[in-house]
Amino acid sequence: MRIAELIAYHVQIPLKTKIRHASYARRMTDSVVVRCVLSDGTEGWGEGLPREYVTGETIDSAFELLRATPLPQQLGAELESLEAAVELCEKFALTRPQHDPRNCFGNSIRCAVELSILDAVCRATGVPLSDVTKLYGPAVGVRQSQDQVRYSAVITSISPIRQRLRSVLIRLFGFHQTKVKVGVEGVDDAVSLRRIRRRVGAAMDIRIDANEAWNCENLEAQFQRLADFGITSIEQPVRHEQVDGLSVLRSSLSAPIMLDESLCSLEDARRAIEHGTCDLFNIRLSKCGGFLNSLKIAATAHQAGLGYQLGCQVGETGILSAAGRHFASSVGGIRYLEGSFDSFLVKERLTRENLTFGYRGLAPALTGPGLGVSVDEVALKRVTAAEEHFAI
């Protein structure tokens, strides 16, 4: 079998609520969905979310990269097995701009293409996507199969009344961890965290995400106001341009530092380890360039003695929710798990299956072929703003 065609869709997914943090606010998400069609008619699906403030990408640049890349030459080989498909995906390289020192521009579209290929070949061979972790050499140090996974909650910048309600619901729903967005202008984070801690209880693991809102000059003072609330990690406290300064500040903070916007590629991971800028990586499939790159980054963190979480991006549909589930159920040592917010966040999840986590944040591993979900093409058509076909 071989890849016959890729079809890329620009989809606009409305959100059920406005999501606001220090870097951005949105009511709709623009994403790229890719359909891979094999020569035998088998189809696979992938998704990526271009975010200009994370990797510099836009929807337009994602499509431009696909047009500029010689896809038939790179993806036209015969695929005799899943191992051959993994090797093909690992070698797949977009025609990126010459100046891309972090090697992350185009990661969202690369993720969508890679997932669509792996999904299609896994479906054709009758195995789940999580089997990729079992056979991928670089992942050997982090492999661990699990029948179920447990997601954490998140509290964004919302009104005090809604914050109280969200906190109570998180506790009643049985979550064991929650992330709290901080650093939004006009919001007193100490007041918010006191309000939240009072309602979620002393046992709740609370971590904070500043989305680059602070800087190296005020980080210690900003965190000191929040330290008494039992914070277990600080995510991306400063802008990427200042991230090297964290190597000096780490020892003065009582909570470990996690990189997110500064952790978008294997190059970013290696630099963070070399400079000693963090304790944890926030791995997200789309921003990190797909399933294989994310496995490499998790393994790199493990080898360096760092922790890692599997995060998600606002507006992921059921396609990325499924991919994240396969990653989480086949990789051990994940400190925090985010994702599968489908019913709570997106108005169109694009999959017939509802992958939203259940009570206590628990969700079963997916065992069907490929992603283990089916795409609702009627829903896809409703939200498609543009599509483009690429013959292979």
Protein backbone atom coordinates (compact mmCIF):
# COMPACT_ATOMS: atom_id res chain seq x y z
CA MET A 1 0.00 0.00 0.00
CA ARG A 2 0.98 3.61 -0.40
CA ILE A 3 -0.40 7.08 0.23
CA ALA A 4 -2.59 8.22 -2.66
CA GLU A 5 -3.76 11.63 -1.46
CA LEU A 6 -3.75 14.11 1.38
CA ILE A 7 -6.66 16.50 1.88
CA ALA A 8 -6.16 19.48 4.17
CA TYR A 9 -9.13 21.31 5.71
CA HIS A 10 -9.12 24.69 7.40
CA VAL A 11 -11.76 24.29 10.08
CA GLN A 12 -13.19 26.95 12.38
CA ILE A 13 -14.49 25.46 15.61
CA PRO A 14 -16.66 27.68 17.86
CA LEU A 15 -16.03 27.30 21.58
CA LYS A 16 -18.74 26.99 24.20
CA THR A 17 -17.12 29.65 26.35
CA LYS A 18 -14.51 32.37 25.99
CA ILE A 19 -11.07 31.13 27.00
CA ARG A 20 -8.77 33.81 28.37
CA HIS A 21 -5.19 33.71 29.58
CA ALA A 22 -2.24 36.09 29.74
CA SER A 23 -1.22 35.55 26.09
CA TYR A 24 -4.55 35.36 24.28
CA ALA A 25 -8.34 35.19 24.47
CA ARG A 26 -10.53 33.29 22.02
CA ARG A 27 -14.10 32.18 21.32
CA MET A 28 -13.21 30.20 18.20
CA THR A 29 -10.27 28.08 17.15
CA ASP A 30 -8.77 27.80 13.68
CA SER A 31 -7.35 24.35 13.06
CA VAL A 32 -6.05 22.18 10.24
CA VAL A 33 -7.53 18.72 9.76
CA VAL A 34 -5.78 16.35 7.34
CA ARG A 35 -7.28 13.26 5.71
CA CYS A 36 -4.84 10.65 4.40
CA VAL A 37 -6.20 8.29 1.72
CA LEU A 38 -4.25 5.09 1.04
CA SER A 39 -4.20 3.30 -2.30
CA ASP A 40 -6.55 0.63 -0.95
CA GLY A 41 -9.09 3.29 0.11
CA THR A 42 -8.27 3.23 3.84
CA GLU A 43 -8.48 6.69 5.39
CA GLY A 44 -6.74 8.25 8.37
CA TRP A 45 -7.12 11.58 10.12
CA GLY A 46 -4.88 14.11 11.81
CA GLU A 47 -5.22 17.56 13.36
CA GLY A 48 -2.98 20.51 14.16
CA LEU A 49 -3.62 23.92 15.72
CA PRO A 50 -1.38 26.69 14.34
CA ARG A 51 -0.68 29.28 17.02
CA GLU A 52 1.33 32.32 15.98
CA TYR A 53 2.18 33.24 19.57
CA VAL A 54 3.62 29.75 20.21
CA THR A 55 5.45 28.56 17.07
CA GLY A 56 4.92 31.51 14.73
CA GLU A 57 2.46 29.60 12.55
CA THR A 58 -0.85 30.67 11.04
CA ILE A 59 -3.44 28.80 9.02
CA ASP A 60 -2.11 30.44 5.86
CA SER A 61 1.49 29.50 6.59
CA ALA A 62 0.45 25.90 7.30
CA PHE A 63 -1.09 25.56 3.84
CA GLU A 64 1.85 27.37 2.26
CA LEU A 65 4.26 24.87 3.81
CA LEU A 66 2.28 21.96 2.37
CA ARG A 67 2.34 23.56 -1.07
CA ALA A 68 6.08 24.23 -0.86
CA THR A 69 6.98 20.70 0.28
CA PRO A 70 7.61 18.03 -2.41
CA LEU A 71 5.04 15.63 -0.95
CA PRO A 72 5.14 12.93 -3.68
CA GLN A 73 8.92 12.62 -3.35
CA GLN A 74 8.74 12.39 0.45
CA LEU A 75 5.57 10.36 0.94
CA GLY A 76 5.34 8.27 -2.21
CA ALA A 77 7.10 5.12 -0.98
CA GLU A 78 5.41 1.74 -0.64
CA LEU A 79 4.37 1.02 2.95
CA GLU A 80 4.72 -2.68 3.66
CA SER A 81 4.18 -2.37 7.41
CA LEU A 82 3.52 0.00 10.30
CA GLU A 83 7.28 0.10 10.90
CA ALA A 84 7.73 1.41 7.34
CA ALA A 85 5.11 4.09 7.96
CA VAL A 86 6.84 5.17 11.17
CA GLU A 87 10.15 5.42 9.30
CA LEU A 88 8.47 7.45 6.55
CA CYS A 89 6.95 9.85 9.08
CA GLU A 90 10.21 10.24 10.97
CA LYS A 91 11.99 11.29 7.78
CA PHE A 92 9.17 13.60 6.63
CA ALA A 93 10.50 17.17 6.53
CA LEU A 94 8.55 20.27 5.56
CA THR A 95 10.25 22.90 3.44
CA ARG A 96 10.66 25.29 6.34
CA PRO A 97 12.02 28.86 6.18
CA GLN A 98 15.81 29.07 6.26
CA HIS A 99 15.75 30.93 9.58
CA ASP A 100 14.10 28.51 11.98
CA PRO A 101 16.70 27.90 14.71
CA ARG A 102 14.18 26.23 17.04
CA ASN A 103 12.96 23.91 14.26
CA CYS A 104 9.33 24.37 15.25
CA PHE A 105 7.78 26.51 12.50
CA GLY A 106 5.24 24.25 10.78
CA ASN A 107 4.91 21.81 13.67
CA SER A 108 1.12 21.96 13.69
CA ILE A 109 0.74 20.93 10.05
CA ARG A 110 3.47 18.34 10.47
CA CYS A 111 1.50 16.88 13.38
CA ALA A 112 -1.69 16.75 11.32
CA VAL A 113 0.01 15.04 8.37
CA GLU A 114 1.89 12.54 10.55
CA LEU A 115 -1.19 11.57 12.57
CA SER A 116 -3.25 11.09 9.42
CA ILE A 117 -0.64 8.72 7.97
CA LEU A 118 -0.17 6.73 11.16
CA ASP A 119 -3.93 6.53 11.68
CA ALA A 120 -4.48 5.24 8.14
CA VAL A 121 -1.72 2.62 8.30
CA CYS A 122 -2.74 1.48 11.78
CA ARG A 123 -6.31 1.06 10.52
CA ALA A 124 -5.10 -0.87 7.48
CA THR A 125 -3.02 -3.20 9.68
CA GLY A 126 -5.67 -3.49 12.41
CA VAL A 127 -3.70 -2.11 15.37
CA PRO A 128 -4.25 0.92 17.66
CA LEU A 129 -2.10 4.04 17.35
CA SER A 130 -0.61 3.30 20.78
CA ASP A 131 1.25 0.38 19.18
CA VAL A 132 3.54 3.00 17.61
CA THR A 133 5.01 3.63 21.07
CA LYS A 134 5.73 -0.08 21.48
CA LEU A 135 7.77 -0.34 18.29
CA TYR A 136 9.41 3.11 18.19
CA GLY A 137 13.00 2.75 19.37
CA PRO A 138 13.51 6.22 20.91
CA ALA A 139 10.49 5.62 23.19
CA VAL A 140 11.91 2.53 24.88
CA GLY A 141 12.69 4.34 28.14
CA VAL A 142 9.18 5.71 28.63
CA ARG A 143 6.96 2.88 27.38
CA GLN A 144 4.19 1.84 29.76
CA SER A 145 0.80 0.47 28.77
CA GLN A 146 -2.23 1.48 30.85
CA ASP A 147 -5.89 0.49 30.63
CA GLN A 148 -7.05 3.93 31.72
CA VAL A 149 -5.67 7.42 32.24
CA ARG A 150 -6.59 10.29 34.56
CA TYR A 151 -6.93 13.88 33.37
CA SER A 152 -6.56 17.05 35.40
CA ALA A 153 -8.82 20.10 35.44
CA VAL A 154 -8.12 23.72 34.53
CA ILE A 155 -9.38 27.07 35.81
CA THR A 156 -8.95 29.94 33.38
CA SER A 157 -9.36 33.65 34.06
CA ILE A 158 -13.07 33.95 34.81
CA SER A 159 -15.27 36.05 37.10
CA PRO A 160 -15.07 35.41 40.88
CA ILE A 161 -18.55 33.86 40.90
CA ARG A 162 -17.74 31.45 38.09
CA GLN A 163 -14.37 30.74 39.69
CA ARG A 164 -16.08 29.69 42.93
CA LEU A 165 -18.53 27.50 41.04
CA ARG A 166 -15.80 25.92 38.89
CA SER A 167 -13.71 25.16 41.98
CA VAL A 168 -16.61 23.46 43.77
CA LEU A 169 -17.47 21.41 40.67
CA ILE A 170 -13.85 20.32 40.26
CA ARG A 171 -13.82 19.03 43.83
CA LEU A 172 -17.22 17.33 43.55
CA PHE A 173 -16.21 15.72 40.25
CA GLY A 174 -13.29 14.04 42.01
CA PHE A 175 -10.35 15.64 40.20
CA HIS A 176 -6.99 15.25 41.94
CA GLN A 177 -5.15 18.02 40.06
CA THR A 178 -6.00 21.39 38.55
CA LYS A 179 -4.13 24.06 36.63
CA VAL A 180 -4.89 27.72 37.35
CA LYS A 181 -4.16 30.44 34.80
CA VAL A 182 -2.42 33.45 36.34
CA GLY A 183 -0.84 36.70 35.17
CA VAL A 184 -3.89 38.17 33.44
CA GLU A 185 -3.91 41.96 33.66
CA GLY A 186 -6.36 43.32 36.23
CA VAL A 187 -6.67 40.03 38.14
CA ASP A 188 -5.25 39.63 41.66
CA ASP A 189 -3.78 36.12 41.53
CA ALA A 190 -3.36 35.82 45.29
CA VAL A 191 -7.05 36.56 45.84
CA SER A 192 -8.02 34.07 43.12
CA LEU A 193 -5.83 31.29 44.48
CA ARG A 194 -7.08 31.83 48.03
CA ARG A 195 -10.64 31.56 46.72
CA ILE A 196 -9.83 28.43 44.73
CA ARG A 197 -7.82 26.66 47.43
CA ARG A 198 -10.59 27.22 49.96
CA ARG A 199 -13.08 25.42 47.70
CA VAL A 200 -11.02 22.64 46.13
CA GLY A 201 -9.57 21.61 49.48
CA ALA A 202 -6.08 21.09 50.88
CA ALA A 203 -5.50 17.79 49.07
CA MET A 204 -5.88 19.21 45.57
CA ASP A 205 -2.67 19.45 43.53
CA ILE A 206 -2.64 23.01 42.17
CA ARG A 207 -0.19 24.18 39.52
CA ILE A 208 -0.14 27.61 37.87
CA ASP A 209 0.40 28.74 34.27
CA ALA A 210 1.55 32.32 33.68
CA ASN A 211 1.67 32.10 29.86
CA GLU A 212 4.77 34.35 29.74
CA ALA A 213 3.09 37.11 31.79
CA TRP A 214 6.04 37.78 34.12
CA ASN A 215 9.73 38.49 33.62
CA CYS A 216 13.00 37.52 35.27
CA GLU A 217 13.05 40.75 37.25
CA ASN A 218 9.68 40.26 38.99
CA LEU A 219 9.29 36.46 38.96
CA GLU A 220 10.43 35.91 42.54
CA ALA A 221 8.15 38.63 43.90
CA GLN A 222 5.18 37.43 41.83
CA PHE A 223 5.57 33.85 42.97
CA GLN A 224 6.21 34.74 46.61
CA ARG A 225 2.66 36.09 46.84
CA LEU A 226 1.34 32.70 45.73
CA ALA A 227 3.73 30.22 47.33
CA ASP A 228 1.62 29.67 50.46
CA PHE A 229 -1.18 28.11 48.38
CA GLY A 230 0.83 24.92 47.81
CA ILE A 231 1.81 25.39 44.16
CA THR A 232 3.35 22.26 42.62
CA SER A 233 4.73 23.85 39.43
CA ILE A 234 4.99 27.17 37.57
CA GLU A 235 4.37 26.91 33.84
CA GLN A 236 6.14 29.28 31.43
CA PRO A 237 6.53 32.25 33.81
CA VAL A 238 8.52 34.42 31.36
CA ARG A 239 8.68 35.07 27.63
CA HIS A 240 10.84 32.77 25.53
CA GLU A 241 13.36 35.58 24.98
CA GLN A 242 14.08 35.55 28.73
CA VAL A 243 13.93 31.83 29.34
CA ASP A 244 17.68 31.38 29.83
CA GLY A 245 17.43 33.61 32.90
CA LEU A 246 15.41 30.90 34.64
CA SER A 247 18.60 28.88 35.18
CA VAL A 248 19.63 31.40 37.83
CA LEU A 249 16.17 31.79 39.38
CA ARG A 250 15.23 28.11 39.72
CA SER A 251 17.02 27.62 43.03
CA SER A 252 15.22 30.56 44.64
CA LEU A 253 11.71 29.24 43.88
CA SER A 254 9.96 26.63 46.01
CA ALA A 255 8.09 25.17 43.04
CA PRO A 256 9.53 23.53 39.91
CA ILE A 257 9.43 25.39 36.59
CA MET A 258 7.71 23.92 33.55
CA LEU A 259 8.37 25.12 30.00
CA ASP A 260 5.56 25.35 27.45
CA GLU A 261 5.92 28.08 24.83
CA SER A 262 9.67 27.54 25.12
CA LEU A 263 9.34 23.77 24.58
CA CYS A 264 8.20 23.25 20.99
CA SER A 265 10.87 20.94 19.55
CA LEU A 266 13.65 18.52 20.37
CA GLU A 267 16.06 21.43 19.90
CA ASP A 268 14.19 23.38 22.59
CA ALA A 269 14.33 20.38 24.90
CA ARG A 270 18.07 19.91 24.48
CA ARG A 271 18.73 23.61 25.01
CA ALA A 272 16.63 23.65 28.19
CA ILE A 273 18.57 20.69 29.56
CA GLU A 274 21.94 22.19 28.60
CA HIS A 275 21.12 25.57 30.19
CA GLY A 276 19.26 24.14 33.18
CA THR A 277 16.21 26.35 32.69
CA CYS A 278 13.45 24.04 33.94
CA ASP A 279 12.35 20.96 35.84
CA LEU A 280 9.40 19.91 33.65
CA PHE A 281 8.38 19.90 29.98
CA ASN A 282 4.84 20.56 28.76
CA ILE A 283 4.57 18.30 25.70
CA ARG A 284 1.69 19.01 23.33
CA LEU A 285 1.33 16.96 20.16
CA SER A 286 0.49 19.83 17.84
CA LYS A 287 3.14 22.35 18.94
CA CYS A 288 5.81 19.63 19.21
CA GLY A 289 5.32 18.35 15.67
CA GLY A 290 3.41 15.13 16.17
CA PHE A 291 3.35 11.79 17.97
CA LEU A 292 6.92 10.72 17.19
CA ASN A 293 8.57 14.01 18.11
CA SER A 294 6.57 14.07 21.34
CA LEU A 295 7.80 10.56 22.20
CA LYS A 296 11.37 11.71 21.61
CA ILE A 297 10.92 14.74 23.85
CA ALA A 298 9.41 12.63 26.66
CA ALA A 299 12.32 10.20 26.38
CA THR A 300 14.82 13.07 26.39
CA ALA A 301 13.25 14.50 29.56
CA HIS A 302 13.31 11.07 31.21
CA GLN A 303 16.98 10.54 30.35
CA ALA A 304 17.86 13.97 31.80
CA GLY A 305 15.93 13.34 35.02
CA LEU A 306 13.24 15.90 34.21
CA GLY A 307 9.48 15.48 34.52
CA TYR A 308 6.90 16.06 31.80
CA GLN A 309 3.20 16.50 31.28
CA LEU A 310 1.07 15.86 28.22
CA GLY A 311 -0.81 19.09 27.59
CA CYS A 312 -3.39 20.12 25.04
CA GLN A 313 -4.23 23.26 23.09
CA VAL A 314 -7.48 25.18 23.40
CA GLY A 315 -9.98 23.95 20.85
CA GLU A 316 -8.66 20.47 20.11
CA THR A 317 -11.37 18.28 18.61
CA GLY A 318 -11.90 14.58 19.14
CA ILE A 319 -9.14 13.78 16.62
CA LEU A 320 -6.37 15.23 18.81
CA SER A 321 -8.18 14.06 21.95
CA ALA A 322 -7.89 10.51 20.62
CA ALA A 323 -4.23 10.94 19.69
CA GLY A 324 -3.47 12.31 23.16
CA ARG A 325 -5.30 9.36 24.75
CA HIS A 326 -3.12 6.91 22.81
CA PHE A 327 0.00 8.78 23.90
CA ALA A 328 -1.06 8.92 27.55
CA SER A 329 -2.04 5.24 27.68
CA SER A 330 1.28 4.08 26.22
CA VAL A 331 3.77 6.41 27.96
CA GLY A 332 4.68 6.20 31.63
CA GLY A 333 5.76 8.92 34.04
CA ILE A 334 3.36 11.65 32.87
CA ARG A 335 3.18 14.09 35.79
CA TYR A 336 0.02 15.90 34.64
CA LEU A 337 -2.40 15.03 31.86
CA GLU A 338 -4.57 17.56 30.03
CA GLY A 339 -7.10 17.10 27.25
CA SER A 340 -10.39 15.40 26.33
CA PHE A 341 -12.36 18.55 27.19
CA ASP A 342 -14.60 17.87 24.16
CA SER A 343 -18.11 18.19 25.65
CA PHE A 344 -17.05 21.05 27.91
CA LEU A 345 -15.33 23.22 25.33
CA VAL A 346 -15.91 22.68 21.59
CA LYS A 347 -19.26 22.96 19.83
CA GLU A 348 -18.08 20.54 17.13
CA ARG A 349 -15.89 17.67 18.32
CA LEU A 350 -15.76 16.23 14.74
CA THR A 351 -15.79 12.62 15.98
CA ARG A 352 -18.88 10.49 16.41
CA GLU A 353 -17.42 9.18 19.65
CA ASN A 354 -17.43 11.41 22.71
CA LEU A 355 -13.97 11.23 24.29
CA THR A 356 -14.71 13.55 27.23
CA PHE A 357 -13.21 12.24 30.47
CA GLY A 358 -15.53 10.86 33.13
CA TYR A 359 -15.82 11.10 36.91
CA ARG A 360 -12.49 11.78 38.65
CA GLY A 361 -11.05 12.65 35.24
CA LEU A 362 -10.77 8.98 34.32
CA ALA A 363 -10.96 7.73 30.73
CA PRO A 364 -10.30 4.31 29.16
CA ALA A 365 -7.52 3.57 26.72
CA LEU A 366 -8.65 3.36 23.10
CA THR A 367 -8.18 -0.11 21.63
CA GLY A 368 -9.71 0.13 18.13
CA PRO A 369 -7.59 0.33 14.96
CA GLY A 370 -5.76 3.61 14.39
CA LEU A 371 -7.10 6.48 16.46
CA GLY A 372 -10.07 4.30 17.38
CA VAL A 373 -12.58 6.99 16.42
CA SER A 374 -14.62 7.85 13.33
CA VAL A 375 -14.86 11.36 11.90
CA ASP A 376 -18.32 12.90 11.44
CA GLU A 377 -17.97 14.21 7.91
CA VAL A 378 -21.24 16.14 8.10
CA ALA A 379 -19.87 18.06 11.09
CA LEU A 380 -16.55 18.51 9.29
CA LYS A 381 -18.34 20.06 6.33
CA ARG A 382 -20.21 22.46 8.63
CA VAL A 383 -17.00 23.96 9.98
CA THR A 384 -14.76 23.80 6.91
CA ALA A 385 -13.70 27.21 5.63
CA ALA A 386 -11.39 25.89 2.90
CA GLU A 387 -9.89 22.64 1.67
CA GLU A 388 -7.03 21.65 -0.59
CA HIS A 389 -6.09 18.35 -2.23
CA PHE A 390 -2.52 17.07 -2.57
CA ALA A 391 -1.96 14.09 -4.85
CA ILE A 392 0.87 11.75 -3.78
